[in-house]
Amino acid sequence: MKTIFFVEDNADVVEVYRESLVREGFEVLVAEDGIAAMRLLREGSPDLVILDLLMPRLNGADVLKYIRTTPAHAQTKVVIFSNAYQSDIYDILLDAGKYAPDDFLLKLSCTPEKLVSVVKSVLNDGQTGENK
């Protein structure tokens, strides 16, 4: 069973998408902010991280930088799941190259089915995100 860390501060959003992922056979652990995500990452290694960029306490860009620069997690697949696609945060990640996510989904236009499809594709080394 593949393990996904879902890092999102909106509990309603998490529940809608989490249910779809669990139905597809994924184990889903939830972190409500960047600090909780860091705690989860120190305790285990997920197959994939679904990561919001704009969160309280520690933003998703900082979490992604940690993932990409920590040897134990550097190869972990990351899907950005955010409405911050035009933010300076996302631009910085793309410009830095080594911090680039494996895929990106715009939360506003994403359905649970689409998220599941992208997760499966990324885990199989394909990329199907909106910005690719």
Protein backbone atom coordinates (compact mmCIF):
# COMPACT_ATOMS: atom_id res chain seq x y z
CA MET A 1 0.00 0.00 0.00
CA LYS A 2 1.40 3.40 -1.01
CA THR A 3 1.51 6.10 1.67
CA ILE A 4 0.56 9.70 0.99
CA PHE A 5 1.14 12.66 3.28
CA PHE A 6 -1.62 15.20 2.62
CA VAL A 7 -0.50 18.63 3.85
CA GLU A 8 -3.45 21.04 3.87
CA ASP A 9 -4.81 23.45 6.47
CA ASN A 10 -8.48 23.25 5.39
CA ALA A 11 -10.07 20.21 7.06
CA ASP A 12 -13.06 20.20 4.69
CA VAL A 13 -10.78 20.07 1.64
CA VAL A 14 -8.74 17.28 3.18
CA GLU A 15 -11.77 15.15 3.94
CA VAL A 16 -13.22 15.35 0.41
CA TYR A 17 -9.97 14.34 -1.28
CA ARG A 18 -8.73 11.98 1.42
CA GLU A 19 -11.81 9.78 1.07
CA SER A 20 -11.21 9.36 -2.66
CA LEU A 21 -7.57 8.44 -2.13
CA VAL A 22 -8.40 5.91 0.59
CA ARG A 23 -11.04 4.31 -1.66
CA GLU A 24 -8.29 3.83 -4.25
CA GLY A 25 -6.18 1.91 -1.74
CA PHE A 26 -3.79 4.60 -0.50
CA GLU A 27 -2.88 5.13 3.12
CA VAL A 28 -3.33 8.86 3.78
CA LEU A 29 -1.75 10.68 6.72
CA VAL A 30 -2.78 14.30 7.20
CA ALA A 31 -0.76 17.29 8.39
CA GLU A 32 -2.67 20.52 9.01
CA ASP A 33 0.32 22.81 8.48
CA GLY A 34 4.00 22.85 7.60
CA ILE A 35 5.16 22.15 11.16
CA ALA A 36 2.99 19.02 11.35
CA ALA A 37 4.29 17.99 7.91
CA MET A 38 7.87 18.25 9.10
CA ARG A 39 6.99 16.09 12.10
CA LEU A 40 5.47 13.43 9.82
CA LEU A 41 8.50 13.51 7.53
CA ARG A 42 10.86 12.98 10.46
CA GLU A 43 8.82 9.94 11.51
CA GLY A 44 8.46 8.27 8.13
CA SER A 45 8.92 8.30 4.38
CA PRO A 46 5.84 8.67 2.22
CA ASP A 47 5.63 7.59 -1.39
CA LEU A 48 4.10 10.96 -2.26
CA VAL A 49 3.31 14.29 -0.59
CA ILE A 50 0.31 16.39 -1.60
CA LEU A 51 1.31 19.87 -0.52
CA ASP A 52 -0.53 23.17 -0.21
CA LEU A 53 1.76 26.19 -0.53
CA LEU A 54 -0.09 28.73 1.61
CA MET A 55 -0.38 27.47 5.17
CA PRO A 56 0.01 28.87 8.67
CA ARG A 57 3.19 28.47 10.74
CA LEU A 58 5.39 27.10 7.93
CA ASN A 59 4.51 27.39 4.26
CA GLY A 60 4.57 24.63 1.68
CA ALA A 61 7.59 26.08 -0.13
CA ASP A 62 9.69 25.59 2.99
CA VAL A 63 8.40 22.04 3.36
CA LEU A 64 9.24 21.30 -0.28
CA LYS A 65 12.74 22.72 0.15
CA TYR A 66 13.21 20.46 3.19
CA ILE A 67 12.03 17.43 1.22
CA ARG A 68 14.33 18.15 -1.73
CA THR A 69 17.41 18.84 0.42
CA THR A 70 17.05 15.95 2.87
CA PRO A 71 18.71 12.80 1.51
CA ALA A 72 16.09 10.48 3.01
CA HIS A 73 13.30 12.36 1.20
CA ALA A 74 14.96 13.94 -1.83
CA GLN A 75 13.37 11.46 -4.26
CA THR A 76 9.91 11.65 -2.67
CA LYS A 77 7.24 12.56 -5.21
CA VAL A 78 5.51 15.89 -4.50
CA VAL A 79 2.30 17.24 -5.99
CA ILE A 80 1.59 20.88 -5.21
CA PHE A 81 -2.14 21.25 -4.56
CA SER A 82 -2.74 24.96 -4.20
CA ASN A 83 -4.35 28.09 -5.52
CA ALA A 84 -1.03 29.89 -5.21
CA TYR A 85 0.16 29.07 -8.73
CA GLN A 86 0.75 32.74 -9.52
CA SER A 87 2.35 33.57 -6.22
CA ASP A 88 5.95 34.53 -5.69
CA ILE A 89 6.37 31.34 -3.69
CA TYR A 90 5.68 29.10 -6.69
CA ASP A 91 7.87 31.22 -8.97
CA ILE A 92 10.77 30.86 -6.55
CA LEU A 93 10.35 27.09 -6.48
CA LEU A 94 10.36 26.84 -10.26
CA ASP A 95 13.31 29.19 -10.66
CA ALA A 96 15.31 27.16 -8.19
CA GLY A 97 14.89 24.00 -10.30
CA LYS A 98 16.08 21.61 -7.61
CA TYR A 99 12.97 22.42 -5.58
CA ALA A 100 10.51 21.83 -8.41
CA PRO A 101 7.55 19.60 -7.58
CA ASP A 102 6.71 16.55 -9.65
CA ASP A 103 3.35 18.04 -10.57
CA PHE A 104 1.00 20.89 -9.78
CA LEU A 105 -2.78 21.05 -9.45
CA LEU A 106 -4.86 24.17 -9.13
CA LYS A 107 -7.15 23.49 -6.17
CA LEU A 108 -10.02 25.57 -7.55
CA SER A 109 -10.44 23.40 -10.63
CA CYS A 110 -9.47 20.00 -9.24
CA THR A 111 -11.94 17.21 -8.61
CA PRO A 112 -11.23 14.24 -6.34
CA GLU A 113 -11.10 12.03 -9.44
CA LYS A 114 -8.51 14.28 -11.05
CA LEU A 115 -6.35 14.29 -7.92
CA VAL A 116 -6.44 10.49 -7.79
CA SER A 117 -5.51 10.30 -11.47
CA VAL A 118 -2.55 12.66 -11.03
CA VAL A 119 -1.36 10.84 -7.90
CA LYS A 120 -1.40 7.52 -9.75
CA SER A 121 0.39 9.02 -12.73
CA VAL A 122 3.12 10.68 -10.65
CA LEU A 123 3.69 7.50 -8.68
CA ASN A 124 4.15 5.75 -12.03
CA ASP A 125 6.61 8.46 -13.18
CA GLY A 126 4.14 10.17 -15.49
CA GLN A 127 3.17 13.81 -15.27
CA THR A 128 -0.33 15.01 -16.00
CA GLY A 129 -0.68 18.32 -14.14
CA GLU A 130 -2.38 21.38 -15.50
CA ASN A 131 0.81 23.37 -15.77
CA LYS A 132 2.80 20.80 -17.73
